[in-house]
């Protein structure tokens, strides 16, 4: 990049020196006025020369690539954020459900899963692990259906240590 700037500055300087030399050597009158016009145009060409070497299709292609890359990365970040939000919501619902179950005397671990629906995450199912008596199991089922709106068939009861 610095080499390009250096070359450009040398070209502009050389054109300016040549224009000054030509101006000094030209006779007075109409010839000098025409010569100044030509020297000004040459100097202008030297200043604007880098613009002629700009590859517009390359810049346009790079812009398109950067735009697509930005959109792709934006989508990745959106998906990553949604996945993190889903995880946090599932953890909080699980913790809430386990606290409520413990308060009611139902010792178990509850892992709630969610699904995305219309821009929000809703409870989809739950895995309940623990050695529960039938009446405790029924209590946990009532708790999860009432508080989280889960249907009984979405509840997966497992004995402690079962796969």
N, C-alpha and C. Protein backbone atom coordinates (compact mmCIF):
# COMPACT_ATOMS: atom_id res chain seq x y z
N UNK A 1 0.83 -1.19 0.00
CA UNK A 1 0.00 0.00 0.00
C UNK A 1 0.88 1.26 0.00
N UNK A 2 1.90 1.25 0.85
CA UNK A 2 2.80 2.40 0.92
C UNK A 2 3.54 2.59 -0.40
N UNK A 3 3.85 1.50 -1.08
CA UNK A 3 4.54 1.60 -2.37
C UNK A 3 3.64 2.28 -3.40
N UNK A 4 2.34 1.99 -3.35
CA UNK A 4 1.41 2.64 -4.27
C UNK A 4 1.31 4.14 -4.00
N UNK A 5 1.24 4.51 -2.74
CA UNK A 5 1.17 5.93 -2.37
C UNK A 5 2.46 6.63 -2.80
N UNK A 6 3.58 5.97 -2.57
CA UNK A 6 4.88 6.55 -2.95
C UNK A 6 4.96 6.78 -4.46
N UNK A 7 4.54 5.78 -5.23
CA UNK A 7 4.55 5.90 -6.69
C UNK A 7 3.64 7.03 -7.15
N UNK A 8 2.47 7.13 -6.53
CA UNK A 8 1.52 8.18 -6.88
C UNK A 8 2.10 9.57 -6.59
N UNK A 9 2.70 9.71 -5.39
CA UNK A 9 3.30 11.01 -5.04
C UNK A 9 4.44 11.38 -5.98
N UNK A 10 5.25 10.41 -6.35
CA UNK A 10 6.34 10.68 -7.30
C UNK A 10 5.78 11.13 -8.64
N UNK A 11 4.71 10.50 -9.11
CA UNK A 11 4.09 10.87 -10.38
C UNK A 11 3.53 12.29 -10.34
N UNK A 12 2.85 12.63 -9.27
CA UNK A 12 2.28 13.98 -9.13
C UNK A 12 3.40 15.02 -9.04
N UNK A 13 4.45 14.71 -8.28
CA UNK A 13 5.58 15.64 -8.14
C UNK A 13 6.28 15.85 -9.49
N UNK A 14 6.51 14.76 -10.22
CA UNK A 14 7.16 14.87 -11.53
C UNK A 14 6.31 15.69 -12.49
N UNK A 15 4.99 15.48 -12.48
CA UNK A 15 4.11 16.25 -13.36
C UNK A 15 4.13 17.73 -12.99
N UNK A 16 4.17 18.03 -11.69
CA UNK A 16 4.20 19.43 -11.24
C UNK A 16 5.51 20.10 -11.65
N UNK A 17 6.61 19.40 -11.53
CA UNK A 17 7.92 19.96 -11.91
C UNK A 17 7.96 20.21 -13.42
N UNK A 18 7.45 19.24 -14.21
CA UNK A 18 7.43 19.42 -15.66
C UNK A 18 6.52 20.58 -16.06
N UNK A 19 5.39 20.72 -15.38
CA UNK A 19 4.46 21.82 -15.69
C UNK A 19 5.12 23.17 -15.37
N UNK A 20 5.81 23.25 -14.26
CA UNK A 20 6.50 24.50 -13.88
C UNK A 20 7.61 24.82 -14.87
N UNK A 21 8.36 23.80 -15.27
CA UNK A 21 9.45 24.01 -16.24
C UNK A 21 8.89 24.46 -17.59
N UNK A 22 7.82 23.81 -18.05
CA UNK A 22 7.21 24.19 -19.34
C UNK A 22 6.66 25.60 -19.27
N UNK A 23 6.06 25.97 -18.13
CA UNK A 23 5.51 27.32 -17.96
C UNK A 23 6.62 28.38 -18.04
N UNK A 24 7.75 28.04 -17.46
CA UNK A 24 8.87 28.98 -17.46
C UNK A 24 9.47 29.14 -18.86
N UNK A 25 9.43 28.13 -19.68
CA UNK A 25 10.06 28.16 -21.00
C UNK A 25 9.14 28.70 -22.10
N UNK A 26 7.85 28.76 -21.85
CA UNK A 26 6.90 29.20 -22.90
C UNK A 26 6.92 30.73 -23.03
N UNK A 27 6.78 31.16 -24.30
CA UNK A 27 6.71 32.62 -24.53
C UNK A 27 5.37 33.17 -24.08
N UNK A 28 5.35 34.47 -23.78
CA UNK A 28 4.12 35.15 -23.34
C UNK A 28 3.09 35.15 -24.46
N UNK A 29 1.81 35.25 -24.04
CA UNK A 29 0.74 35.38 -25.03
C UNK A 29 -0.19 34.18 -25.02
N UNK A 30 -0.77 33.95 -26.18
CA UNK A 30 -1.75 32.87 -26.35
C UNK A 30 -1.14 31.49 -26.15
N UNK A 31 0.14 31.35 -26.57
CA UNK A 31 0.82 30.06 -26.42
C UNK A 31 0.96 29.71 -24.95
N UNK A 32 1.30 30.67 -24.13
CA UNK A 32 1.49 30.43 -22.70
C UNK A 32 0.16 30.04 -22.05
N UNK A 33 -0.94 30.70 -22.46
CA UNK A 33 -2.25 30.36 -21.89
C UNK A 33 -2.65 28.93 -22.26
N UNK A 34 -2.44 28.57 -23.52
CA UNK A 34 -2.76 27.20 -23.97
C UNK A 34 -1.85 26.19 -23.27
N UNK A 35 -0.59 26.55 -23.11
CA UNK A 35 0.36 25.67 -22.43
C UNK A 35 -0.02 25.45 -20.97
N UNK A 36 -0.47 26.51 -20.31
CA UNK A 36 -0.91 26.36 -18.90
C UNK A 36 -2.13 25.43 -18.80
N UNK A 37 -3.03 25.56 -19.78
CA UNK A 37 -4.19 24.68 -19.80
C UNK A 37 -3.77 23.22 -19.93
N UNK A 38 -2.87 22.96 -20.87
CA UNK A 38 -2.37 21.59 -21.08
C UNK A 38 -1.64 21.09 -19.84
N UNK A 39 -0.80 21.91 -19.24
CA UNK A 39 -0.06 21.52 -18.02
C UNK A 39 -1.02 21.23 -16.87
N UNK A 40 -2.07 22.03 -16.76
CA UNK A 40 -3.08 21.79 -15.71
C UNK A 40 -3.79 20.46 -15.91
N UNK A 41 -4.10 20.15 -17.19
CA UNK A 41 -4.76 18.87 -17.48
C UNK A 41 -3.83 17.69 -17.19
N UNK A 42 -2.56 17.83 -17.54
CA UNK A 42 -1.58 16.77 -17.25
C UNK A 42 -1.45 16.57 -15.74
N UNK A 43 -1.39 17.65 -15.00
CA UNK A 43 -1.31 17.57 -13.54
C UNK A 43 -2.57 16.93 -12.97
N UNK A 44 -3.72 17.30 -13.49
CA UNK A 44 -4.98 16.71 -13.04
C UNK A 44 -5.00 15.21 -13.31
N UNK A 45 -4.51 14.80 -14.48
CA UNK A 45 -4.44 13.37 -14.81
C UNK A 45 -3.51 12.63 -13.85
N UNK A 46 -2.40 13.25 -13.50
CA UNK A 46 -1.46 12.63 -12.56
C UNK A 46 -2.10 12.46 -11.18
N UNK A 47 -2.88 13.45 -10.75
CA UNK A 47 -3.54 13.37 -9.44
C UNK A 47 -4.63 12.29 -9.44
N UNK A 48 -5.39 12.22 -10.53
CA UNK A 48 -6.52 11.29 -10.58
C UNK A 48 -6.17 9.90 -11.12
N UNK A 49 -4.93 9.67 -11.46
CA UNK A 49 -4.50 8.40 -12.04
C UNK A 49 -4.89 7.18 -11.21
N UNK A 50 -4.77 7.18 -9.89
CA UNK A 50 -5.14 5.99 -9.12
C UNK A 50 -6.62 5.61 -9.28
N UNK A 51 -7.48 6.59 -9.52
CA UNK A 51 -8.90 6.28 -9.69
C UNK A 51 -9.15 5.45 -10.95
N UNK A 52 -8.30 5.63 -11.96
CA UNK A 52 -8.43 4.86 -13.19
C UNK A 52 -8.07 3.40 -13.01
N UNK A 53 -7.27 3.10 -12.02
CA UNK A 53 -6.85 1.72 -11.80
C UNK A 53 -7.74 0.97 -10.80
N UNK A 54 -8.79 1.63 -10.32
CA UNK A 54 -9.69 0.98 -9.37
C UNK A 54 -10.54 -0.04 -10.12
N UNK A 55 -10.57 -1.25 -9.62
CA UNK A 55 -11.36 -2.32 -10.22
C UNK A 55 -12.72 -2.35 -9.52
N UNK A 56 -13.70 -1.75 -10.16
CA UNK A 56 -15.03 -1.63 -9.56
C UNK A 56 -15.67 -3.01 -9.35
N UNK A 57 -15.47 -3.93 -10.27
CA UNK A 57 -16.08 -5.26 -10.11
C UNK A 57 -15.46 -6.00 -8.93
N UNK A 58 -14.16 -5.79 -8.70
CA UNK A 58 -13.51 -6.41 -7.55
C UNK A 58 -14.07 -5.85 -6.24
N UNK A 59 -14.23 -4.53 -6.19
CA UNK A 59 -14.78 -3.90 -5.00
C UNK A 59 -16.22 -4.35 -4.79
N UNK A 60 -16.99 -4.41 -5.86
CA UNK A 60 -18.38 -4.86 -5.77
C UNK A 60 -18.45 -6.31 -5.30
N UNK A 61 -17.58 -7.14 -5.83
CA UNK A 61 -17.55 -8.55 -5.41
C UNK A 61 -17.17 -8.69 -3.95
N UNK A 62 -16.22 -7.90 -3.53
CA UNK A 62 -15.80 -7.93 -2.12
C UNK A 62 -16.94 -7.46 -1.22
N UNK A 63 -17.63 -6.41 -1.64
CA UNK A 63 -18.77 -5.90 -0.88
C UNK A 63 -19.84 -6.99 -0.75
N UNK A 64 -20.13 -7.67 -1.85
CA UNK A 64 -21.13 -8.74 -1.84
C UNK A 64 -20.71 -9.87 -0.90
N UNK A 65 -19.43 -10.25 -0.98
CA UNK A 65 -18.92 -11.31 -0.10
C UNK A 65 -19.03 -10.89 1.36
N UNK A 66 -18.60 -9.66 1.67
CA UNK A 66 -18.67 -9.18 3.05
C UNK A 66 -20.11 -9.12 3.54
N UNK A 67 -21.02 -8.70 2.68
CA UNK A 67 -22.44 -8.62 3.04
C UNK A 67 -22.99 -10.02 3.34
N UNK A 68 -22.67 -10.99 2.51
CA UNK A 68 -23.13 -12.36 2.74
C UNK A 68 -22.51 -12.94 4.00
N UNK A 69 -21.25 -12.66 4.22
CA UNK A 69 -20.57 -13.14 5.43
C UNK A 69 -21.20 -12.53 6.67
N UNK A 70 -21.53 -11.26 6.61
CA UNK A 70 -22.17 -10.59 7.73
C UNK A 70 -23.55 -11.19 8.01
N UNK A 71 -24.31 -11.47 6.98
CA UNK A 71 -25.62 -12.10 7.15
C UNK A 71 -25.48 -13.50 7.74
N UNK A 72 -24.50 -14.27 7.25
CA UNK A 72 -24.28 -15.62 7.76
C UNK A 72 -23.90 -15.59 9.23
N UNK A 73 -22.99 -14.69 9.58
CA UNK A 73 -22.53 -14.59 10.98
C UNK A 73 -23.67 -14.10 11.88
N UNK A 74 -24.47 -13.18 11.36
CA UNK A 74 -25.62 -12.69 12.12
C UNK A 74 -26.60 -13.82 12.41
N UNK A 75 -26.84 -14.67 11.42
CA UNK A 75 -27.73 -15.82 11.61
C UNK A 75 -27.14 -16.79 12.63
N UNK A 76 -25.84 -17.03 12.55
CA UNK A 76 -25.17 -17.91 13.53
C UNK A 76 -25.34 -17.37 14.95
N UNK A 77 -25.12 -16.07 15.12
CA UNK A 77 -25.26 -15.45 16.44
C UNK A 77 -26.69 -15.53 16.95
N UNK A 78 -27.65 -15.34 16.05
CA UNK A 78 -29.06 -15.45 16.43
C UNK A 78 -29.37 -16.87 16.92
N UNK A 79 -28.89 -17.86 16.17
CA UNK A 79 -29.13 -19.25 16.55
C UNK A 79 -28.44 -19.60 17.87
N UNK A 80 -27.22 -19.11 18.03
CA UNK A 80 -26.47 -19.35 19.26
C UNK A 80 -27.18 -18.71 20.46
N UNK A 81 -27.67 -17.49 20.27
CA UNK A 81 -28.38 -16.80 21.34
C UNK A 81 -29.66 -17.54 21.70
N UNK A 82 -30.39 -18.00 20.70
CA UNK A 82 -31.62 -18.75 20.95
C UNK A 82 -31.33 -20.05 21.69
N UNK A 83 -30.25 -20.74 21.31
CA UNK A 83 -29.88 -21.97 21.99
C UNK A 83 -29.54 -21.70 23.45
N UNK A 84 -28.84 -20.61 23.71
CA UNK A 84 -28.50 -20.26 25.09
C UNK A 84 -29.74 -19.88 25.88
N UNK A 85 -30.65 -19.13 25.23
CA UNK A 85 -31.89 -18.76 25.91
C UNK A 85 -32.70 -20.01 26.24
N UNK A 86 -32.76 -20.96 25.32
CA UNK A 86 -33.50 -22.20 25.54
C UNK A 86 -32.90 -22.96 26.72
N UNK A 87 -31.59 -23.03 26.78
CA UNK A 87 -30.92 -23.73 27.87
C UNK A 87 -31.22 -23.06 29.21
N UNK A 88 -31.14 -21.74 29.25
CA UNK A 88 -31.42 -21.02 30.50
C UNK A 88 -32.86 -21.24 30.94
N UNK A 89 -33.79 -21.14 30.00
CA UNK A 89 -35.20 -21.33 30.34
C UNK A 89 -35.43 -22.75 30.84
N UNK A 90 -34.85 -23.73 30.17
CA UNK A 90 -35.00 -25.13 30.62
C UNK A 90 -34.43 -25.32 32.03
N UNK A 91 -33.26 -24.73 32.28
CA UNK A 91 -32.65 -24.86 33.61
C UNK A 91 -33.51 -24.20 34.68
N UNK A 92 -34.04 -23.03 34.39
CA UNK A 92 -34.87 -22.34 35.39
C UNK A 92 -36.18 -23.06 35.64
N UNK A 93 -36.79 -23.57 34.59
CA UNK A 93 -38.03 -24.34 34.77
C UNK A 93 -37.75 -25.62 35.56
N UNK A 94 -36.63 -26.25 35.28
CA UNK A 94 -36.26 -27.47 36.01
C UNK A 94 -36.03 -27.15 37.49
N UNK A 95 -35.28 -26.08 37.76
CA UNK A 95 -35.00 -25.70 39.15
C UNK A 95 -36.28 -25.33 39.87
N UNK A 96 -37.15 -24.58 39.22
CA UNK A 96 -38.43 -24.20 39.82
C UNK A 96 -39.25 -25.45 40.15
N UNK A 97 -39.32 -26.37 39.21
CA UNK A 97 -40.12 -27.58 39.40
C UNK A 97 -39.54 -28.45 40.51
N UNK A 98 -38.23 -28.57 40.58
CA UNK A 98 -37.61 -29.38 41.64
C UNK A 98 -37.84 -28.73 43.01
N UNK A 99 -37.74 -27.40 43.08
CA UNK A 99 -38.01 -26.71 44.35
C UNK A 99 -39.44 -26.94 44.81
N UNK A 100 -40.39 -26.81 43.89
CA UNK A 100 -41.80 -27.02 44.24
C UNK A 100 -42.04 -28.46 44.67
N UNK A 101 -41.44 -29.40 43.94
CA UNK A 101 -41.62 -30.82 44.28
C UNK A 101 -41.02 -31.12 45.66
N UNK A 102 -39.87 -30.55 45.94
CA UNK A 102 -39.22 -30.75 47.24
C UNK A 102 -40.07 -30.16 48.37
N UNK A 103 -40.63 -28.98 48.14
CA UNK A 103 -41.49 -28.35 49.14
C UNK A 103 -42.71 -29.21 49.45
N UNK A 104 -43.20 -29.93 48.43
CA UNK A 104 -44.36 -30.79 48.61
C UNK A 104 -43.99 -32.19 49.11
N UNK A 105 -42.70 -32.43 49.29
CA UNK A 105 -42.24 -33.72 49.80
C UNK A 105 -42.05 -34.78 48.73
N UNK A 106 -41.71 -34.36 47.53
CA UNK A 106 -41.47 -35.29 46.42
C UNK A 106 -40.01 -35.19 46.01
N UNK A 107 -39.12 -35.98 46.63
CA UNK A 107 -37.69 -35.87 46.32
C UNK A 107 -37.37 -36.50 44.95
N UNK A 108 -37.03 -35.65 43.99
CA UNK A 108 -36.69 -36.13 42.65
C UNK A 108 -35.91 -35.07 41.89
N UNK A 109 -35.36 -35.49 40.77
CA UNK A 109 -34.69 -34.56 39.86
C UNK A 109 -35.61 -34.40 38.65
N UNK A 110 -35.79 -33.16 38.22
CA UNK A 110 -36.67 -32.88 37.09
C UNK A 110 -35.87 -32.10 36.04
N UNK A 111 -35.89 -32.61 34.83
CA UNK A 111 -35.23 -31.93 33.70
C UNK A 111 -36.31 -31.59 32.67
N UNK A 112 -36.60 -30.30 32.54
CA UNK A 112 -37.63 -29.83 31.63
C UNK A 112 -37.00 -29.53 30.27
N UNK A 113 -37.70 -29.92 29.21
CA UNK A 113 -37.27 -29.58 27.85
C UNK A 113 -38.30 -28.61 27.24
N UNK A 114 -37.82 -27.74 26.36
CA UNK A 114 -38.68 -26.73 25.74
C UNK A 114 -38.62 -26.84 24.23
N UNK A 115 -39.61 -26.23 23.61
CA UNK A 115 -39.65 -26.10 22.14
C UNK A 115 -39.92 -24.64 21.82
N UNK A 116 -39.50 -24.23 20.65
CA UNK A 116 -39.72 -22.84 20.22
C UNK A 116 -41.05 -22.79 19.47
N UNK A 117 -41.87 -21.84 19.87
CA UNK A 117 -43.16 -21.67 19.22
C UNK A 117 -43.49 -20.19 19.16
N UNK A 118 -43.62 -19.68 17.96
CA UNK A 118 -43.97 -18.27 17.72
C UNK A 118 -43.07 -17.31 18.49
N UNK A 119 -41.78 -17.55 18.44
CA UNK A 119 -40.82 -16.63 19.04
C UNK A 119 -40.61 -16.78 20.54
N UNK A 120 -41.19 -17.80 21.13
CA UNK A 120 -41.00 -18.02 22.57
C UNK A 120 -40.74 -19.50 22.83
N UNK A 121 -40.21 -19.79 23.98
CA UNK A 121 -39.92 -21.17 24.35
C UNK A 121 -40.97 -21.65 25.33
N UNK A 122 -41.59 -22.78 25.00
CA UNK A 122 -42.64 -23.35 25.85
C UNK A 122 -42.20 -24.72 26.33
N UNK A 123 -42.60 -25.11 27.55
CA UNK A 123 -42.26 -26.44 28.04
C UNK A 123 -42.85 -27.51 27.11
N UNK A 124 -42.03 -28.52 26.82
CA UNK A 124 -42.43 -29.57 25.90
C UNK A 124 -42.55 -30.91 26.60
N UNK A 125 -41.68 -31.14 27.56
CA UNK A 125 -41.67 -32.41 28.27
C UNK A 125 -40.79 -32.32 29.49
N UNK A 126 -40.80 -33.39 30.27
CA UNK A 126 -39.96 -33.42 31.47
C UNK A 126 -39.57 -34.85 31.78
N UNK A 127 -38.32 -34.99 32.22
CA UNK A 127 -37.84 -36.29 32.70
C UNK A 127 -37.71 -36.17 34.21
N UNK A 128 -38.42 -37.06 34.91
CA UNK A 128 -38.42 -37.05 36.37
C UNK A 128 -37.69 -38.31 36.82
N UNK A 129 -36.61 -38.08 37.58
CA UNK A 129 -35.79 -39.19 38.05
C UNK A 129 -35.81 -39.24 39.56
N UNK A 130 -36.10 -40.41 40.08
CA UNK A 130 -36.11 -40.58 41.54
C UNK A 130 -36.96 -41.78 41.93
N UNK A 131 -36.77 -42.22 43.16
CA UNK A 131 -37.56 -43.33 43.69
C UNK A 131 -38.81 -42.75 44.34
N UNK A 132 -39.87 -42.68 43.57
CA UNK A 132 -41.11 -42.07 44.04
C UNK A 132 -42.19 -43.13 44.28
N UNK A 133 -42.91 -42.93 45.33
CA UNK A 133 -44.09 -43.76 45.60
C UNK A 133 -45.17 -43.36 44.60
N UNK A 134 -46.15 -44.23 44.37
CA UNK A 134 -47.21 -43.89 43.41
C UNK A 134 -47.91 -42.57 43.75
N UNK A 135 -48.18 -42.29 45.02
CA UNK A 135 -48.84 -41.04 45.39
C UNK A 135 -47.94 -39.83 45.14
N UNK A 136 -46.60 -40.03 45.32
CA UNK A 136 -45.65 -38.94 45.04
C UNK A 136 -45.55 -38.69 43.54
N UNK A 137 -45.55 -39.76 42.80
CA UNK A 137 -45.50 -39.66 41.34
C UNK A 137 -46.72 -38.88 40.84
N UNK A 138 -47.89 -39.19 41.39
CA UNK A 138 -49.11 -38.49 41.01
C UNK A 138 -49.02 -37.00 41.39
N UNK A 139 -48.43 -36.72 42.54
CA UNK A 139 -48.26 -35.33 42.97
C UNK A 139 -47.34 -34.55 42.03
N UNK A 140 -46.25 -35.17 41.62
CA UNK A 140 -45.32 -34.53 40.68
C UNK A 140 -46.03 -34.30 39.34
N UNK A 141 -46.79 -35.30 38.92
CA UNK A 141 -47.53 -35.18 37.65
C UNK A 141 -48.51 -34.00 37.72
N UNK A 142 -49.23 -33.89 38.81
CA UNK A 142 -50.18 -32.78 38.98
C UNK A 142 -49.45 -31.43 38.99
N UNK A 143 -48.33 -31.40 39.68
CA UNK A 143 -47.53 -30.17 39.75
C UNK A 143 -47.10 -29.71 38.37
N UNK A 144 -46.55 -30.62 37.57
CA UNK A 144 -46.03 -30.26 36.25
C UNK A 144 -47.14 -29.95 35.25
N UNK A 145 -48.26 -30.64 35.36
CA UNK A 145 -49.36 -30.33 34.45
C UNK A 145 -50.00 -28.99 34.81
N UNK A 146 -50.12 -28.72 36.12
CA UNK A 146 -50.72 -27.45 36.56
C UNK A 146 -49.78 -26.26 36.33
N UNK A 147 -48.54 -26.35 36.78
CA UNK A 147 -47.63 -25.20 36.73
C UNK A 147 -47.00 -24.97 35.36
N UNK A 148 -46.69 -26.04 34.65
CA UNK A 148 -46.00 -25.89 33.36
C UNK A 148 -46.90 -26.18 32.17
N UNK A 149 -48.10 -26.69 32.43
CA UNK A 149 -49.02 -26.99 31.34
C UNK A 149 -48.61 -28.19 30.51
N UNK A 150 -47.84 -29.09 31.11
CA UNK A 150 -47.40 -30.28 30.38
C UNK A 150 -48.48 -31.36 30.47
N UNK A 151 -48.78 -32.03 29.36
CA UNK A 151 -49.72 -33.15 29.42
C UNK A 151 -49.04 -34.35 30.09
N UNK A 152 -49.80 -35.22 30.74
CA UNK A 152 -49.21 -36.38 31.42
C UNK A 152 -48.35 -37.25 30.50
N UNK A 153 -48.70 -37.36 29.23
CA UNK A 153 -47.92 -38.19 28.31
C UNK A 153 -46.56 -37.59 27.97
N UNK A 154 -46.34 -36.31 28.30
CA UNK A 154 -45.04 -35.65 28.06
C UNK A 154 -44.09 -35.84 29.23
N UNK A 155 -44.52 -36.56 30.27
CA UNK A 155 -43.70 -36.77 31.46
C UNK A 155 -43.05 -38.15 31.39
N UNK A 156 -41.75 -38.19 31.58
CA UNK A 156 -40.99 -39.43 31.52
C UNK A 156 -40.44 -39.73 32.91
N UNK A 157 -41.09 -40.64 33.61
CA UNK A 157 -40.66 -41.02 34.97
C UNK A 157 -39.62 -42.13 34.86
N UNK A 158 -38.52 -41.93 35.59
CA UNK A 158 -37.43 -42.93 35.61
C UNK A 158 -37.09 -43.22 37.06
N UNK A 159 -36.79 -44.46 37.33
CA UNK A 159 -36.30 -44.84 38.65
C UNK A 159 -34.87 -44.35 38.79
N UNK A 160 -34.44 -44.09 40.01
CA UNK A 160 -33.07 -43.65 40.28
C UNK A 160 -32.09 -44.65 39.68
N UNK A 161 -31.15 -44.17 38.86
CA UNK A 161 -30.13 -45.02 38.29
C UNK A 161 -30.55 -45.68 36.98
N UNK A 162 -31.81 -45.54 36.56
CA UNK A 162 -32.26 -46.12 35.31
C UNK A 162 -31.80 -45.26 34.13
N UNK A 163 -31.60 -45.87 32.97
CA UNK A 163 -31.11 -45.14 31.80
C UNK A 163 -32.19 -44.36 31.12
